Amino acid sequence: MRATKLVLTIKHLTYRERLLQLKLPALKYRHLRGDVIEVFKTLTYDTNVTFSLKKHQDCRTRGHNLKLVNHRCHYDLRKYFFCTRIINTWNSLPESVNSANITDS
C-alpha cells in the first residue's frame, strides 16, 4: 500500500484507484500463480514438503505426463485445501509449461 503512494502523480487517489491506475495483477491471479509454482517445484525437485499430490498412473493421459489425480470431496472443508484446489488448474496447463527447463542464473 505504501509503495503505490510513491508514484507522485497518483498519490492523492485511494488505494483501489491507485491499483487500477498501475494495472497491477489481481490478488487472485498472483495467488493462483504462486500455487502453480509450488506444485511445479514439488513435482520437479526433491523438496522436503509433502503434499498429497499423486501423479496419474495411466500412461495414456492426454496432455502432459505430470497429470495429477483428482479426488472427489464431499465436504467444503476439503474442497479449499491447496492440493484439491490446484489440481484442475495444473492438469489444464500445456505440456510446454509443465515440462519447462529452469536454469539458475
C-alpha atoms as a PDB file:
ATOM      1  CA  MET A   1       0.000   0.000   0.000  1.00  0.00           C
ATOM      2  CA  ARG A   2       2.830   2.374   0.838  1.00  0.00           C
ATOM      3  CA  ALA A   3       4.667   1.560  -2.375  1.00  0.00           C
ATOM      4  CA  THR A   4       1.760   2.785  -4.501  1.00  0.00           C
ATOM      5  CA  LYS A   5       1.947   6.174  -2.767  1.00  0.00           C
ATOM      6  CA  LEU A   6       5.498   6.638  -4.051  1.00  0.00           C
ATOM      7  CA  VAL A   7       4.163   7.399  -7.539  1.00  0.00           C
ATOM      8  CA  LEU A   8       3.634  11.147  -7.234  1.00  0.00           C
ATOM      9  CA  THR A   9       1.040  11.510  -9.993  1.00  0.00           C
ATOM     10  CA  ILE A  10      -1.430   9.138  -8.290  1.00  0.00           C
ATOM     11  CA  LYS A  11      -0.556   9.769  -4.656  1.00  0.00           C
ATOM     12  CA  HIS A  12      -3.827  11.620  -3.979  1.00  0.00           C
ATOM     13  CA  LEU A  13      -6.050   8.718  -5.171  1.00  0.00           C
ATOM     14  CA  THR A  14      -7.494   5.992  -2.958  1.00  0.00           C
ATOM     15  CA  TYR A  15      -5.652   2.687  -2.718  1.00  0.00           C
ATOM     16  CA  ARG A  16      -8.100   0.897  -5.016  1.00  0.00           C
ATOM     17  CA  GLU A  17      -7.847   3.661  -7.632  1.00  0.00           C
ATOM     18  CA  ARG A  18      -4.045   3.574  -7.428  1.00  0.00           C
ATOM     19  CA  LEU A  19      -4.071  -0.169  -8.103  1.00  0.00           C
ATOM     20  CA  LEU A  20      -6.308   0.328 -11.118  1.00  0.00           C
ATOM     21  CA  GLN A  21      -4.061   3.074 -12.443  1.00  0.00           C
ATOM     22  CA  LEU A  22      -0.936   0.960 -12.055  1.00  0.00           C
ATOM     23  CA  LYS A  23      -2.686  -2.084 -13.563  1.00  0.00           C
ATOM     24  CA  LEU A  24      -1.115  -4.444 -11.044  1.00  0.00           C
ATOM     25  CA  PRO A  25      -2.135  -8.106 -11.332  1.00  0.00           C
ATOM     26  CA  ALA A  26      -5.119  -9.036  -9.273  1.00  0.00           C
ATOM     27  CA  LEU A  27      -4.529 -10.801  -5.995  1.00  0.00           C
ATOM     28  CA  LYS A  28      -6.421 -13.859  -7.228  1.00  0.00           C
ATOM     29  CA  TYR A  29      -4.090 -14.243 -10.217  1.00  0.00           C
ATOM     30  CA  ARG A  30      -0.989 -13.857  -8.055  1.00  0.00           C
ATOM     31  CA  HIS A  31      -2.327 -16.431  -5.592  1.00  0.00           C
ATOM     32  CA  LEU A  32      -3.010 -18.937  -8.377  1.00  0.00           C
ATOM     33  CA  ARG A  33       0.383 -18.296  -9.955  1.00  0.00           C
ATOM     34  CA  GLY A  34       2.125 -18.929  -6.630  1.00  0.00           C
ATOM     35  CA  ASP A  35       0.200 -22.175  -6.178  1.00  0.00           C
ATOM     36  CA  VAL A  36       1.199 -23.417  -9.642  1.00  0.00           C
ATOM     37  CA  ILE A  37       4.842 -22.557  -8.960  1.00  0.00           C
ATOM     38  CA  GLU A  38       4.736 -24.542  -5.707  1.00  0.00           C
ATOM     39  CA  VAL A  39       3.296 -27.589  -7.489  1.00  0.00           C
ATOM     40  CA  PHE A  40       5.986 -27.310 -10.176  1.00  0.00           C
ATOM     41  CA  LYS A  41       8.749 -27.175  -7.559  1.00  0.00           C
ATOM     42  CA  THR A  42       7.242 -30.080  -5.642  1.00  0.00           C
ATOM     43  CA  LEU A  43       6.946 -32.318  -8.705  1.00  0.00           C
ATOM     44  CA  THR A  44      10.271 -31.496 -10.366  1.00  0.00           C
ATOM     45  CA  TYR A  45      12.682 -31.040  -7.465  1.00  0.00           C
ATOM     46  CA  ASP A  46      13.319 -33.096  -4.364  1.00  0.00           C
ATOM     47  CA  THR A  47      11.693 -30.983  -1.699  1.00  0.00           C
ATOM     48  CA  ASN A  48      11.061 -31.687   1.941  1.00  0.00           C
ATOM     49  CA  VAL A  49       7.476 -30.501   1.582  1.00  0.00           C
ATOM     50  CA  THR A  50       4.997 -33.341   1.479  1.00  0.00           C
ATOM     51  CA  PHE A  51       1.656 -32.761  -0.166  1.00  0.00           C
ATOM     52  CA  SER A  52      -0.867 -35.420  -1.019  1.00  0.00           C
ATOM     53  CA  LEU A  53      -0.320 -34.863  -4.739  1.00  0.00           C
ATOM     54  CA  LYS A  54      -0.369 -38.132  -6.654  1.00  0.00           C
ATOM     55  CA  LYS A  55       0.671 -38.454 -10.281  1.00  0.00           C
ATOM     56  CA  HIS A  56      -1.733 -40.129 -12.655  1.00  0.00           C
ATOM     57  CA  GLN A  57      -0.508 -43.687 -13.318  1.00  0.00           C
ATOM     58  CA  ASP A  58      -2.260 -44.169 -16.661  1.00  0.00           C
ATOM     59  CA  CYS A  59       0.263 -43.858 -19.488  1.00  0.00           C
ATOM     60  CA  ARG A  60      -2.449 -42.779 -21.933  1.00  0.00           C
ATOM     61  CA  THR A  61      -3.200 -39.428 -20.351  1.00  0.00           C
ATOM     62  CA  ARG A  62      -3.993 -36.544 -22.646  1.00  0.00           C
ATOM     63  CA  GLY A  63      -1.745 -33.553 -22.391  1.00  0.00           C
ATOM     64  CA  HIS A  64       1.386 -33.971 -20.308  1.00  0.00           C
ATOM     65  CA  ASN A  65       2.917 -36.773 -18.258  1.00  0.00           C
ATOM     66  CA  LEU A  66       2.689 -34.842 -14.980  1.00  0.00           C
ATOM     67  CA  LYS A  67      -1.093 -35.075 -14.635  1.00  0.00           C
ATOM     68  CA  LEU A  68      -2.360 -35.322 -11.078  1.00  0.00           C
ATOM     69  CA  VAL A  69      -5.174 -37.491  -9.738  1.00  0.00           C
ATOM     70  CA  ASN A  70      -8.234 -35.509  -8.706  1.00  0.00           C
ATOM     71  CA  HIS A  71     -10.118 -36.937  -5.740  1.00  0.00           C
ATOM     72  CA  ARG A  72     -13.731 -36.015  -5.093  1.00  0.00           C
ATOM     73  CA  CYS A  73     -14.501 -34.040  -1.978  1.00  0.00           C
ATOM     74  CA  HIS A  74     -17.721 -34.473  -0.069  1.00  0.00           C
ATOM     75  CA  TYR A  75     -17.196 -31.623   2.370  1.00  0.00           C
ATOM     76  CA  ASP A  76     -16.473 -27.959   1.757  1.00  0.00           C
ATOM     77  CA  LEU A  77     -13.628 -28.070   4.242  1.00  0.00           C
ATOM     78  CA  ARG A  78     -11.540 -30.309   1.982  1.00  0.00           C
ATOM     79  CA  LYS A  79     -12.509 -28.512  -1.254  1.00  0.00           C
ATOM     80  CA  TYR A  80     -10.411 -25.474  -0.455  1.00  0.00           C
ATOM     81  CA  PHE A  81      -7.210 -27.230   0.600  1.00  0.00           C
ATOM     82  CA  PHE A  82      -4.154 -26.492  -1.509  1.00  0.00           C
ATOM     83  CA  CYS A  83      -3.919 -29.984  -3.006  1.00  0.00           C
ATOM     84  CA  THR A  84      -7.553 -30.059  -4.060  1.00  0.00           C
ATOM     85  CA  ARG A  85      -7.932 -26.565  -5.458  1.00  0.00           C
ATOM     86  CA  ILE A  86      -4.801 -26.619  -7.641  1.00  0.00           C
ATOM     87  CA  ILE A  87      -5.225 -29.976  -9.418  1.00  0.00           C
ATOM     88  CA  ASN A  88      -7.654 -28.840 -12.143  1.00  0.00           C
ATOM     89  CA  THR A  89      -5.532 -25.802 -12.931  1.00  0.00           C
ATOM     90  CA  TRP A  90      -2.330 -27.849 -13.074  1.00  0.00           C
ATOM     91  CA  ASN A  91      -3.860 -30.511 -15.316  1.00  0.00           C
ATOM     92  CA  SER A  92      -5.169 -27.875 -17.745  1.00  0.00           C
ATOM     93  CA  LEU A  93      -1.745 -26.324 -18.364  1.00  0.00           C
ATOM     94  CA  PRO A  94       0.021 -27.177 -21.649  1.00  0.00           C
ATOM     95  CA  GLU A  95       2.967 -29.562 -21.650  1.00  0.00           C
ATOM     96  CA  SER A  96       5.408 -26.802 -22.582  1.00  0.00           C
ATOM     97  CA  VAL A  97       4.672 -25.101 -19.251  1.00  0.00           C
ATOM     98  CA  ASN A  98       4.794 -28.230 -17.105  1.00  0.00           C
ATOM     99  CA  SER A  99       7.995 -29.581 -18.570  1.00  0.00           C
ATOM    100  CA  ALA A 100       9.811 -26.229 -18.656  1.00  0.00           C
ATOM    101  CA  ASN A 101      13.539 -26.274 -18.018  1.00  0.00           C
ATOM    102  CA  ILE A 102      14.540 -23.864 -15.288  1.00  0.00           C
ATOM    103  CA  THR A 103      18.167 -22.744 -15.210  1.00  0.00           C
ATOM    104  CA  ASP A 104      19.640 -20.992 -12.198  1.00  0.00           C
ATOM    105  CA  SER A 105      21.172 -17.661 -13.088  1.00  0.00           C
END
